[in-house]
Amino acid sequence: MNITVQSKTLEVTDALRAFCEKQALKIGRFGKKISKINIHIENVERKKNDPNSASVLYSVDIPGQVLVVKRKAVNMYDAVVDATNGIMRQVRKTKEKRIDKKRN
């Protein structure tokens, strides 16, 4: 499983990279067929009425599919956790669909 953490608007620190990789490793327990995980981190300029300033985009490559989740939150770590939970939900759902098709 290849994990890539990248950003266009801010510098990815070692601590943030380690946190993202630790969160991304949680996805691996749903299947060994995940080939690549791309995490794109972005810091969005705040507007007066918008509390969300961090945006995270997960892209997970599964054979035959690419799953994408985008989440926004107040800080970067919350956005990474929310996006990880969302992508885990999608990976689990696709795995269960594949198992159910084999049984029928």
PDB file of N, CA and C in Angstrom:
ATOM      1  N   MET A   1       0.857  -1.170   0.000  1.00  0.00           N
ATOM      2  CA  MET A   1       0.000   0.000   0.000  1.00  0.00           C
ATOM      3  C   MET A   1       0.896   1.224   0.000  1.00  0.00           C
ATOM      4  N   ASN A   2       0.695   2.074  -1.002  1.00  0.00           N
ATOM      5  CA  ASN A   2       1.487   3.277  -1.163  1.00  0.00           C
ATOM      6  C   ASN A   2       0.673   4.466  -0.660  1.00  0.00           C
ATOM      7  N   ILE A   3       1.198   5.211   0.321  1.00  0.00           N
ATOM      8  CA  ILE A   3       0.505   6.352   0.905  1.00  0.00           C
ATOM      9  C   ILE A   3       1.246   7.623   0.516  1.00  0.00           C
ATOM     10  N   THR A   4       0.523   8.572  -0.095  1.00  0.00           N
ATOM     11  CA  THR A   4       1.103   9.841  -0.508  1.00  0.00           C
ATOM     12  C   THR A   4       0.345  10.974   0.168  1.00  0.00           C
ATOM     13  N   VAL A   5       1.078  11.855   0.849  1.00  0.00           N
ATOM     14  CA  VAL A   5       0.487  13.029   1.488  1.00  0.00           C
ATOM     15  C   VAL A   5       1.054  14.248   0.784  1.00  0.00           C
ATOM     16  N   GLN A   6       0.169  15.088   0.236  1.00  0.00           N
ATOM     17  CA  GLN A   6       0.632  16.260  -0.489  1.00  0.00           C
ATOM     18  C   GLN A   6      -0.258  17.459  -0.212  1.00  0.00           C
ATOM     19  N   SER A   7       0.302  18.634  -0.450  1.00  0.00           N
ATOM     20  CA  SER A   7      -0.433  19.860  -0.233  1.00  0.00           C
ATOM     21  C   SER A   7       0.034  20.907  -1.220  1.00  0.00           C
ATOM     22  N   LYS A   8      -0.887  21.761  -1.625  1.00  0.00           N
ATOM     23  CA  LYS A   8      -0.550  22.820  -2.535  1.00  0.00           C
ATOM     24  C   LYS A   8      -0.354  24.142  -1.800  1.00  0.00           C
ATOM     25  N   THR A   9      -1.129  24.370  -0.743  1.00  0.00           N
ATOM     26  CA  THR A   9      -1.144  25.679  -0.105  1.00  0.00           C
ATOM     27  C   THR A   9      -0.320  25.779   1.172  1.00  0.00           C
ATOM     28  N   LEU A  10       0.081  24.654   1.753  1.00  0.00           N
ATOM     29  CA  LEU A  10       0.858  24.722   2.983  1.00  0.00           C
ATOM     30  C   LEU A  10       1.932  23.646   2.990  1.00  0.00           C
ATOM     31  N   GLU A  11       2.909  23.840   3.849  1.00  0.00           N
ATOM     32  CA  GLU A  11       3.990  22.867   3.956  1.00  0.00           C
ATOM     33  C   GLU A  11       3.561  21.737   4.887  1.00  0.00           C
ATOM     34  N   VAL A  12       3.734  20.514   4.432  1.00  0.00           N
ATOM     35  CA  VAL A  12       3.353  19.344   5.230  1.00  0.00           C
ATOM     36  C   VAL A  12       4.498  19.040   6.191  1.00  0.00           C
ATOM     37  N   THR A  13       4.240  19.198   7.483  1.00  0.00           N
ATOM     38  CA  THR A  13       5.260  18.929   8.486  1.00  0.00           C
ATOM     39  C   THR A  13       5.376  17.431   8.725  1.00  0.00           C
ATOM     40  N   ASP A  14       6.446  17.043   9.393  1.00  0.00           N
ATOM     41  CA  ASP A  14       6.644  15.626   9.695  1.00  0.00           C
ATOM     42  C   ASP A  14       5.544  15.088  10.602  1.00  0.00           C
ATOM     43  N   ALA A  15       5.108  15.902  11.560  1.00  0.00           N
ATOM     44  CA  ALA A  15       4.063  15.463  12.485  1.00  0.00           C
ATOM     45  C   ALA A  15       2.738  15.260  11.749  1.00  0.00           C
ATOM     46  N   LEU A  16       2.404  16.185  10.857  1.00  0.00           N
ATOM     47  CA  LEU A  16       1.162  16.066  10.103  1.00  0.00           C
ATOM     48  C   LEU A  16       1.223  14.880   9.145  1.00  0.00           C
ATOM     49  N   ARG A  17       2.369  14.670   8.513  1.00  0.00           N
ATOM     50  CA  ARG A  17       2.540  13.530   7.605  1.00  0.00           C
ATOM     51  C   ARG A  17       2.412  12.212   8.373  1.00  0.00           C
ATOM     52  N   ALA A  18       3.041  12.140   9.548  1.00  0.00           N
ATOM     53  CA  ALA A  18       2.962  10.919  10.358  1.00  0.00           C
ATOM     54  C   ALA A  18       1.524  10.653  10.803  1.00  0.00           C
ATOM     55  N   PHE A  19       0.797  11.712  11.182  1.00  0.00           N
ATOM     56  CA  PHE A  19      -0.588  11.549  11.605  1.00  0.00           C
ATOM     57  C   PHE A  19      -1.453  11.057  10.453  1.00  0.00           C
ATOM     58  N   CYS A  20      -1.262  11.624   9.264  1.00  0.00           N
ATOM     59  CA  CYS A  20      -2.037  11.209   8.092  1.00  0.00           C
ATOM     60  C   CYS A  20      -1.742   9.755   7.726  1.00  0.00           C
ATOM     61  N   GLU A  21      -0.481   9.374   7.777  1.00  0.00           N
ATOM     62  CA  GLU A  21      -0.120   7.993   7.442  1.00  0.00           C
ATOM     63  C   GLU A  21      -0.667   7.013   8.469  1.00  0.00           C
ATOM     64  N   LYS A  22      -0.653   7.413   9.746  1.00  0.00           N
ATOM     65  CA  LYS A  22      -1.201   6.545  10.799  1.00  0.00           C
ATOM     66  C   LYS A  22      -2.704   6.349  10.592  1.00  0.00           C
ATOM     67  N   GLN A  23      -3.403   7.424  10.232  1.00  0.00           N
ATOM     68  CA  GLN A  23      -4.838   7.323   9.966  1.00  0.00           C
ATOM     69  C   GLN A  23      -5.100   6.480   8.717  1.00  0.00           C
ATOM     70  N   ALA A  24      -4.262   6.641   7.689  1.00  0.00           N
ATOM     71  CA  ALA A  24      -4.467   5.907   6.434  1.00  0.00           C
ATOM     72  C   ALA A  24      -4.216   4.416   6.612  1.00  0.00           C
ATOM     73  N   LEU A  25      -3.357   4.041   7.535  1.00  0.00           N
ATOM     74  CA  LEU A  25      -3.103   2.620   7.767  1.00  0.00           C
ATOM     75  C   LEU A  25      -4.322   1.900   8.326  1.00  0.00           C
ATOM     76  N   LYS A  26      -5.251   2.643   8.922  1.00  0.00           N
ATOM     77  CA  LYS A  26      -6.482   2.043   9.420  1.00  0.00           C
ATOM     78  C   LYS A  26      -7.323   1.473   8.285  1.00  0.00           C
ATOM     79  N   ILE A  27      -7.195   2.057   7.105  1.00  0.00           N
ATOM     80  CA  ILE A  27      -7.986   1.616   5.955  1.00  0.00           C
ATOM     81  C   ILE A  27      -7.541   0.226   5.504  1.00  0.00           C
ATOM     82  N   GLY A  28      -6.276  -0.090   5.705  1.00  0.00           N
ATOM     83  CA  GLY A  28      -5.722  -1.355   5.248  1.00  0.00           C
ATOM     84  C   GLY A  28      -6.324  -2.580   5.878  1.00  0.00           C
ATOM     85  N   ARG A  29      -6.972  -2.442   7.014  1.00  0.00           N
ATOM     86  CA  ARG A  29      -7.528  -3.626   7.665  1.00  0.00           C
ATOM     87  C   ARG A  29      -8.796  -4.132   6.985  1.00  0.00           C
ATOM     88  N   PHE A  30      -9.347  -3.352   6.036  1.00  0.00           N
ATOM     89  CA  PHE A  30     -10.554  -3.791   5.337  1.00  0.00           C
ATOM     90  C   PHE A  30     -10.251  -4.611   4.095  1.00  0.00           C
ATOM     91  N   GLY A  31      -9.021  -4.649   3.679  1.00  0.00           N
ATOM     92  CA  GLY A  31      -8.704  -5.435   2.500  1.00  0.00           C
ATOM     93  C   GLY A  31      -7.271  -5.222   2.072  1.00  0.00           C
ATOM     94  N   LYS A  32      -6.688  -6.240   1.546  1.00  0.00           N
ATOM     95  CA  LYS A  32      -5.299  -6.169   1.126  1.00  0.00           C
ATOM     96  C   LYS A  32      -5.169  -5.722  -0.329  1.00  0.00           C
ATOM     97  N   LYS A  33      -6.288  -5.432  -0.992  1.00  0.00           N
ATOM     98  CA  LYS A  33      -6.253  -5.079  -2.394  1.00  0.00           C
ATOM     99  C   LYS A  33      -6.112  -3.583  -2.636  1.00  0.00           C
ATOM    100  N   ILE A  34      -5.943  -2.790  -1.596  1.00  0.00           N
ATOM    101  CA  ILE A  34      -5.768  -1.349  -1.758  1.00  0.00           C
ATOM    102  C   ILE A  34      -4.347  -1.103  -2.247  1.00  0.00           C
ATOM    103  N   SER A  35      -4.227  -0.481  -3.410  1.00  0.00           N
ATOM    104  CA  SER A  35      -2.899  -0.289  -3.991  1.00  0.00           C
ATOM    105  C   SER A  35      -2.300   1.069  -3.656  1.00  0.00           C
ATOM    106  N   LYS A  36      -3.127   2.125  -3.627  1.00  0.00           N
ATOM    107  CA  LYS A  36      -2.575   3.455  -3.432  1.00  0.00           C
ATOM    108  C   LYS A  36      -3.571   4.334  -2.698  1.00  0.00           C
ATOM    109  N   ILE A  37      -3.054   5.164  -1.781  1.00  0.00           N
ATOM    110  CA  ILE A  37      -3.870   6.137  -1.063  1.00  0.00           C
ATOM    111  C   ILE A  37      -3.225   7.502  -1.254  1.00  0.00           C
ATOM    112  N   ASN A  38      -3.979   8.445  -1.803  1.00  0.00           N
ATOM    113  CA  ASN A  38      -3.518   9.826  -1.947  1.00  0.00           C
ATOM    114  C   ASN A  38      -4.298  10.695  -0.978  1.00  0.00           C
ATOM    115  N   ILE A  39      -3.581  11.492  -0.200  1.00  0.00           N
ATOM    116  CA  ILE A  39      -4.207  12.417   0.729  1.00  0.00           C
ATOM    117  C   ILE A  39      -3.773  13.820   0.318  1.00  0.00           C
ATOM    118  N   HIS A  40      -4.743  14.634  -0.066  1.00  0.00           N
ATOM    119  CA  HIS A  40      -4.442  15.998  -0.481  1.00  0.00           C
ATOM    120  C   HIS A  40      -4.978  16.947   0.587  1.00  0.00           C
ATOM    121  N   ILE A  41      -4.083  17.709   1.194  1.00  0.00           N
ATOM    122  CA  ILE A  41      -4.426  18.616   2.289  1.00  0.00           C
ATOM    123  C   ILE A  41      -4.423  20.040   1.759  1.00  0.00           C
ATOM    124  N   GLU A  42      -5.430  20.806   2.174  1.00  0.00           N
ATOM    125  CA  GLU A  42      -5.525  22.179   1.702  1.00  0.00           C
ATOM    126  C   GLU A  42      -6.021  23.067   2.832  1.00  0.00           C
ATOM    127  N   ASN A  43      -5.443  24.227   2.934  1.00  0.00           N
ATOM    128  CA  ASN A  43      -5.874  25.214   3.913  1.00  0.00           C
ATOM    129  C   ASN A  43      -6.662  26.275   3.162  1.00  0.00           C
ATOM    130  N   VAL A  44      -7.958  26.357   3.420  1.00  0.00           N
ATOM    131  CA  VAL A  44      -8.847  27.261   2.712  1.00  0.00           C
ATOM    132  C   VAL A  44      -8.909  28.582   3.466  1.00  0.00           C
ATOM    133  N   GLU A  45      -8.921  29.683   2.724  1.00  0.00           N
ATOM    134  CA  GLU A  45      -9.040  30.977   3.387  1.00  0.00           C
ATOM    135  C   GLU A  45     -10.419  31.099   4.011  1.00  0.00           C
ATOM    136  N   ARG A  46     -10.440  31.596   5.226  1.00  0.00           N
ATOM    137  CA  ARG A  46     -11.696  31.712   5.959  1.00  0.00           C
ATOM    138  C   ARG A  46     -12.490  32.923   5.515  1.00  0.00           C
ATOM    139  N   LYS A  47     -13.774  32.727   5.497  1.00  0.00           N
ATOM    140  CA  LYS A  47     -14.681  33.853   5.327  1.00  0.00           C
ATOM    141  C   LYS A  47     -15.237  34.159   6.716  1.00  0.00           C
ATOM    142  N   LYS A  48     -15.886  35.275   6.876  1.00  0.00           N
ATOM    143  CA  LYS A  48     -16.355  35.676   8.202  1.00  0.00           C
ATOM    144  C   LYS A  48     -17.369  34.699   8.786  1.00  0.00           C
ATOM    145  N   ASN A  49     -18.233  34.149   7.946  1.00  0.00           N
ATOM    146  CA  ASN A  49     -19.279  33.273   8.470  1.00  0.00           C
ATOM    147  C   ASN A  49     -18.974  31.792   8.277  1.00  0.00           C
ATOM    148  N   ASP A  50     -17.778  31.431   7.793  1.00  0.00           N
ATOM    149  CA  ASP A  50     -17.429  30.036   7.539  1.00  0.00           C
ATOM    150  C   ASP A  50     -16.352  29.580   8.521  1.00  0.00           C
ATOM    151  N   PRO A  51     -16.688  28.709   9.476  1.00  0.00           N
ATOM    152  CA  PRO A  51     -15.676  28.273  10.447  1.00  0.00           C
ATOM    153  C   PRO A  51     -14.723  27.210   9.893  1.00  0.00           C
ATOM    154  N   ASN A  52     -15.063  26.602   8.764  1.00  0.00           N
ATOM    155  CA  ASN A  52     -14.223  25.539   8.213  1.00  0.00           C
ATOM    156  C   ASN A  52     -13.053  26.127   7.442  1.00  0.00           C
ATOM    157  N   SER A  53     -11.837  25.777   7.867  1.00  0.00           N
ATOM    158  CA  SER A  53     -10.665  26.328   7.194  1.00  0.00           C
ATOM    159  C   SER A  53      -9.746  25.250   6.656  1.00  0.00           C
ATOM    160  N   ALA A  54      -9.969  23.993   6.994  1.00  0.00           N
ATOM    161  CA  ALA A  54      -9.104  22.909   6.546  1.00  0.00           C
ATOM    162  C   ALA A  54      -9.912  21.960   5.676  1.00  0.00           C
ATOM    163  N   SER A  55      -9.300  21.528   4.582  1.00  0.00           N
ATOM    164  CA  SER A  55      -9.965  20.626   3.654  1.00  0.00           C
ATOM    165  C   SER A  55      -9.032  19.459   3.356  1.00  0.00           C
ATOM    166  N   VAL A  56      -9.582  18.234   3.403  1.00  0.00           N
ATOM    167  CA  VAL A  56      -8.808  17.023   3.137  1.00  0.00           C
ATOM    168  C   VAL A  56      -9.534  16.212   2.085  1.00  0.00           C
ATOM    169  N   LEU A  57      -8.795  15.750   1.081  1.00  0.00           N
ATOM    170  CA  LEU A  57      -9.346  14.935   0.019  1.00  0.00           C
ATOM    171  C   LEU A  57      -8.602  13.609   0.001  1.00  0.00           C
ATOM    172  N   TYR A  58      -9.331  12.521   0.235  1.00  0.00           N
ATOM    173  CA  TYR A  58      -8.778  11.162   0.176  1.00  0.00           C
ATOM    174  C   TYR A  58      -9.119  10.568  -1.177  1.00  0.00           C
ATOM    175  N   SER A  59      -8.168   9.878  -1.761  1.00  0.00           N
ATOM    176  CA  SER A  59      -8.388   9.129  -2.993  1.00  0.00           C
ATOM    177  C   SER A  59      -7.764   7.754  -2.802  1.00  0.00           C
ATOM    178  N   VAL A  60      -8.588   6.705  -2.820  1.00  0.00           N
ATOM    179  CA  VAL A  60      -8.132   5.346  -2.570  1.00  0.00           C
ATOM    180  C   VAL A  60      -8.342   4.522  -3.832  1.00  0.00           C
ATOM    181  N   ASP A  61      -7.271   3.896  -4.307  1.00  0.00           N
ATOM    182  CA  ASP A  61      -7.339   3.054  -5.507  1.00  0.00           C
ATOM    183  C   ASP A  61      -7.555   1.602  -5.109  1.00  0.00           C
ATOM    184  N   ILE A  62      -8.707   1.065  -5.529  1.00  0.00           N
ATOM    185  CA  ILE A  62      -9.049  -0.337  -5.368  1.00  0.00           C
ATOM    186  C   ILE A  62      -9.164  -0.886  -6.786  1.00  0.00           C
ATOM    187  N   PRO A  63      -8.782  -2.120  -7.024  1.00  0.00           N
ATOM    188  CA  PRO A  63      -8.890  -2.650  -8.391  1.00  0.00           C
ATOM    189  C   PRO A  63     -10.284  -2.449  -8.982  1.00  0.00           C
ATOM    190  N   GLY A  64     -10.344  -1.698 -10.067  1.00  0.00           N
ATOM    191  CA  GLY A  64     -11.611  -1.441 -10.731  1.00  0.00           C
ATOM    192  C   GLY A  64     -12.336  -0.205 -10.254  1.00  0.00           C
ATOM    193  N   GLN A  65     -11.865   0.440  -9.187  1.00  0.00           N
ATOM    194  CA  GLN A  65     -12.555   1.595  -8.621  1.00  0.00           C
ATOM    195  C   GLN A  65     -11.568   2.580  -8.021  1.00  0.00           C
ATOM    196  N   VAL A  66     -12.001   3.830  -7.950  1.00  0.00           N
ATOM    197  CA  VAL A  66     -11.293   4.866  -7.203  1.00  0.00           C
ATOM    198  C   VAL A  66     -12.316   5.511  -6.285  1.00  0.00           C
ATOM    199  N   LEU A  67     -12.091   5.413  -4.987  1.00  0.00           N
ATOM    200  CA  LEU A  67     -12.999   5.995  -4.001  1.00  0.00           C
ATOM    201  C   LEU A  67     -12.454   7.354  -3.579  1.00  0.00           C
ATOM    202  N   VAL A  68     -13.337   8.355  -3.527  1.00  0.00           N
ATOM    203  CA  VAL A  68     -12.917   9.712  -3.206  1.00  0.00           C
ATOM    204  C   VAL A  68     -13.820  10.261  -2.113  1.00  0.00           C
ATOM    205  N   VAL A  69     -13.197  10.900  -1.102  1.00  0.00           N
ATOM    206  CA  VAL A  69     -13.926  11.551  -0.024  1.00  0.00           C
ATOM    207  C   VAL A  69     -13.286  12.905   0.232  1.00  0.00           C
ATOM    208  N   LYS A  70     -14.116  13.935   0.380  1.00  0.00           N
ATOM    209  CA  LYS A  70     -13.610  15.268   0.702  1.00  0.00           C
ATOM    210  C   LYS A  70     -14.343  15.763   1.943  1.00  0.00           C
ATOM    211  N   ARG A  71     -13.569  16.204   2.918  1.00  0.00           N
ATOM    212  CA  ARG A  71     -14.143  16.709   4.169  1.00  0.00           C
ATOM    213  C   ARG A  71     -13.500  18.040   4.537  1.00  0.00           C
ATOM    214  N   LYS A  72     -14.294  18.891   5.207  1.00  0.00           N
ATOM    215  CA  LYS A  72     -13.804  20.169   5.722  1.00  0.00           C
ATOM    216  C   LYS A  72     -14.047  20.199   7.219  1.00  0.00           C
ATOM    217  N   ALA A  73     -13.154  20.875   7.937  1.00  0.00           N
ATOM    218  CA  ALA A  73     -13.302  20.997   9.384  1.00  0.00           C
ATOM    219  C   ALA A  73     -12.597  22.267   9.856  1.00  0.00           C
ATOM    220  N   VAL A  74     -12.695  22.506  11.166  1.00  0.00           N
ATOM    221  CA  VAL A  74     -12.108  23.710  11.749  1.00  0.00           C
ATOM    222  C   VAL A  74     -10.593  23.642  11.722  1.00  0.00           C
ATOM    223  N   ASN A  75     -10.014  22.497  12.107  1.00  0.00           N
ATOM    224  CA  ASN A  75      -8.554  22.363  12.017  1.00  0.00           C
ATOM    225  C   ASN A  75      -8.194  21.125  11.201  1.00  0.00           C
ATOM    226  N   MET A  76      -6.917  21.028  10.879  1.00  0.00           N
ATOM    227  CA  MET A  76      -6.455  20.000   9.940  1.00  0.00           C
ATOM    228  C   MET A  76      -6.634  18.588  10.504  1.00  0.00           C
ATOM    229  N   TYR A  77      -6.340  18.397  11.773  1.00  0.00           N
ATOM    230  CA  TYR A  77      -6.405  17.058  12.359  1.00  0.00           C
ATOM    231  C   TYR A  77      -7.838  16.531  12.395  1.00  0.00           C
ATOM    232  N   ASP A  78      -8.804  17.401  12.699  1.00  0.00           N
ATOM    233  CA  ASP A  78     -10.207  16.975  12.682  1.00  0.00           C
ATOM    234  C   ASP A  78     -10.653  16.612  11.273  1.00  0.00           C
ATOM    235  N   ALA A  79     -10.185  17.367  10.292  1.00  0.00           N
ATOM    236  CA  ALA A  79     -10.547  17.078   8.903  1.00  0.00           C
ATOM    237  C   ALA A  79      -9.973  15.737   8.457  1.00  0.00           C
ATOM    238  N   VAL A  80      -8.746  15.426   8.876  1.00  0.00           N
ATOM    239  CA  VAL A  80      -8.123  14.148   8.507  1.00  0.00           C
ATOM    240  C   VAL A  80      -8.889  12.993   9.137  1.00  0.00           C
ATOM    241  N   VAL A  81      -9.273  13.130  10.399  1.00  0.00           N
ATOM    242  CA  VAL A  81     -10.012  12.065  11.085  1.00  0.00           C
ATOM    243  C   VAL A  81     -11.384  11.861  10.434  1.00  0.00           C
ATOM    244  N   ASP A  82     -12.089  12.953  10.124  1.00  0.00           N
ATOM    245  CA  ASP A  82     -13.396  12.839   9.478  1.00  0.00           C
ATOM    246  C   ASP A  82     -13.292  12.182   8.103  1.00  0.00           C
ATOM    247  N   ALA A  83     -12.288  12.590   7.335  1.00  0.00           N
ATOM    248  CA  ALA A  83     -12.113  12.004   6.003  1.00  0.00           C
ATOM    249  C   ALA A  83     -11.730  10.532   6.100  1.00  0.00           C
ATOM    250  N   THR A  84     -10.914  10.175   7.091  1.00  0.00           N
ATOM    251  CA  THR A  84     -10.540   8.772   7.274  1.00  0.00           C
ATOM    252  C   THR A  84     -11.756   7.925   7.606  1.00  0.00           C
ATOM    253  N   ASN A  85     -12.606   8.429   8.489  1.00  0.00           N
ATOM    254  CA  ASN A  85     -13.822   7.687   8.827  1.00  0.00           C
ATOM    255  C   ASN A  85     -14.736   7.539   7.619  1.00  0.00           C
ATOM    256  N   GLY A  86     -14.840   8.579   6.802  1.00  0.00           N
ATOM    257  CA  GLY A  86     -15.674   8.510   5.608  1.00  0.00           C
ATOM    258  C   GLY A  86     -15.152   7.514   4.589  1.00  0.00           C
ATOM    259  N   ILE A  87     -13.855   7.505   4.364  1.00  0.00           N
ATOM    260  CA  ILE A  87     -13.291   6.589   3.382  1.00  0.00           C
ATOM    261  C   ILE A  87     -13.323   5.152   3.894  1.00  0.00           C
ATOM    262  N   MET A  88     -13.181   4.965   5.210  1.00  0.00           N
ATOM    263  CA  MET A  88     -13.295   3.621   5.779  1.00  0.00           C
ATOM    264  C   MET A  88     -14.699   3.074   5.555  1.00  0.00           C
ATOM    265  N   ARG A  89     -15.697   3.932   5.687  1.00  0.00           N
ATOM    266  CA  ARG A  89     -17.077   3.533   5.469  1.00  0.00           C
ATOM    267  C   ARG A  89     -17.277   3.084   4.015  1.00  0.00           C
ATOM    268  N   GLN A  90     -16.697   3.847   3.074  1.00  0.00           N
ATOM    269  CA  GLN A  90     -16.848   3.487   1.663  1.00  0.00           C
ATOM    270  C   GLN A  90     -16.115   2.200   1.316  1.00  0.00           C
ATOM    271  N   VAL A  91     -14.915   2.019   1.862  1.00  0.00           N
ATOM    272  CA  VAL A  91     -14.142   0.801   1.589  1.00  0.00           C
ATOM    273  C   VAL A  91     -14.875  -0.411   2.145  1.00  0.00           C
ATOM    274  N   ARG A  92     -15.399  -0.285   3.348  1.00  0.00           N
ATOM    275  CA  ARG A  92     -16.146  -1.387   3.948  1.00  0.00           C
ATOM    276  C   ARG A  92     -17.386  -1.716   3.123  1.00  0.00           C
ATOM    277  N   LYS A  93     -18.072  -0.698   2.629  1.00  0.00           N
ATOM    278  CA  LYS A  93     -19.272  -0.904   1.838  1.00  0.00           C
ATOM    279  C   LYS A  93     -18.959  -1.624   0.528  1.00  0.00           C
ATOM    280  N   THR A  94     -17.897  -1.220  -0.152  1.00  0.00           N
ATOM    281  CA  THR A  94     -17.534  -1.888  -1.405  1.00  0.00           C
ATOM    282  C   THR A  94     -17.073  -3.316  -1.163  1.00  0.00           C
ATOM    283  N   LYS A  95     -16.390  -3.550  -0.054  1.00  0.00           N
ATOM    284  CA  LYS A  95     -15.956  -4.912   0.268  1.00  0.00           C
ATOM    285  C   LYS A  95     -17.159  -5.812   0.549  1.00  0.00           C
ATOM    286  N   GLU A  96     -18.121  -5.298   1.301  1.00  0.00           N
ATOM    287  CA  GLU A  96     -19.314  -6.084   1.595  1.00  0.00           C
ATOM    288  C   GLU A  96     -20.130  -6.357   0.342  1.00  0.00           C
ATOM    289  N   LYS A  97     -20.186  -5.402  -0.583  1.00  0.00           N
ATOM    290  CA  LYS A  97     -20.891  -5.638  -1.844  1.00  0.00           C
ATOM    291  C   LYS A  97     -20.222  -6.749  -2.639  1.00  0.00           C
ATOM    292  N   ARG A  98     -18.899  -6.734  -2.668  1.00  0.00           N
ATOM    293  CA  ARG A  98     -18.163  -7.762  -3.408  1.00  0.00           C
ATOM    294  C   ARG A  98     -18.399  -9.140  -2.802  1.00  0.00           C
ATOM    295  N   ILE A  99     -18.417  -9.243  -1.478  1.00  0.00           N
ATOM    296  CA  ILE A  99     -18.661 -10.517  -0.802  1.00  0.00           C
ATOM    297  C   ILE A  99     -20.084 -11.003  -1.059  1.00  0.00           C
ATOM    298  N   ASP A 100     -21.056 -10.090  -0.986  1.00  0.00           N
ATOM    299  CA  ASP A 100     -22.451 -10.481  -1.206  1.00  0.00           C
ATOM    300  C   ASP A 100     -22.693 -10.958  -2.636  1.00  0.00           C
ATOM    301  N   LYS A 101     -22.015 -10.374  -3.612  1.00  0.00           N
ATOM    302  CA  LYS A 101     -22.186 -10.812  -5.001  1.00  0.00           C
ATOM    303  C   LYS A 101     -21.650 -12.221  -5.185  1.00  0.00           C
ATOM    304  N   LYS A 102     -20.569 -12.565  -4.509  1.00  0.00           N
ATOM    305  CA  LYS A 102     -19.998 -13.907  -4.617  1.00  0.00           C
ATOM    306  C   LYS A 102     -20.934 -14.940  -4.001  1.00  0.00           C
ATOM    307  N   ARG A 103     -21.625 -14.571  -2.953  1.00  0.00           N
ATOM    308  CA  ARG A 103     -22.512 -15.518  -2.261  1.00  0.00           C
ATOM    309  C   ARG A 103     -23.776 -15.792  -3.061  1.00  0.00           C
ATOM    310  N   ASN A 104     -24.219 -14.815  -3.827  1.00  0.00           N
ATOM    311  CA  ASN A 104     -25.457 -14.999  -4.583  1.00  0.00           C
ATOM    312  C   ASN A 104     -25.181 -15.612  -5.862  1.00  0.00           C
TER     313      ASN A 104
END
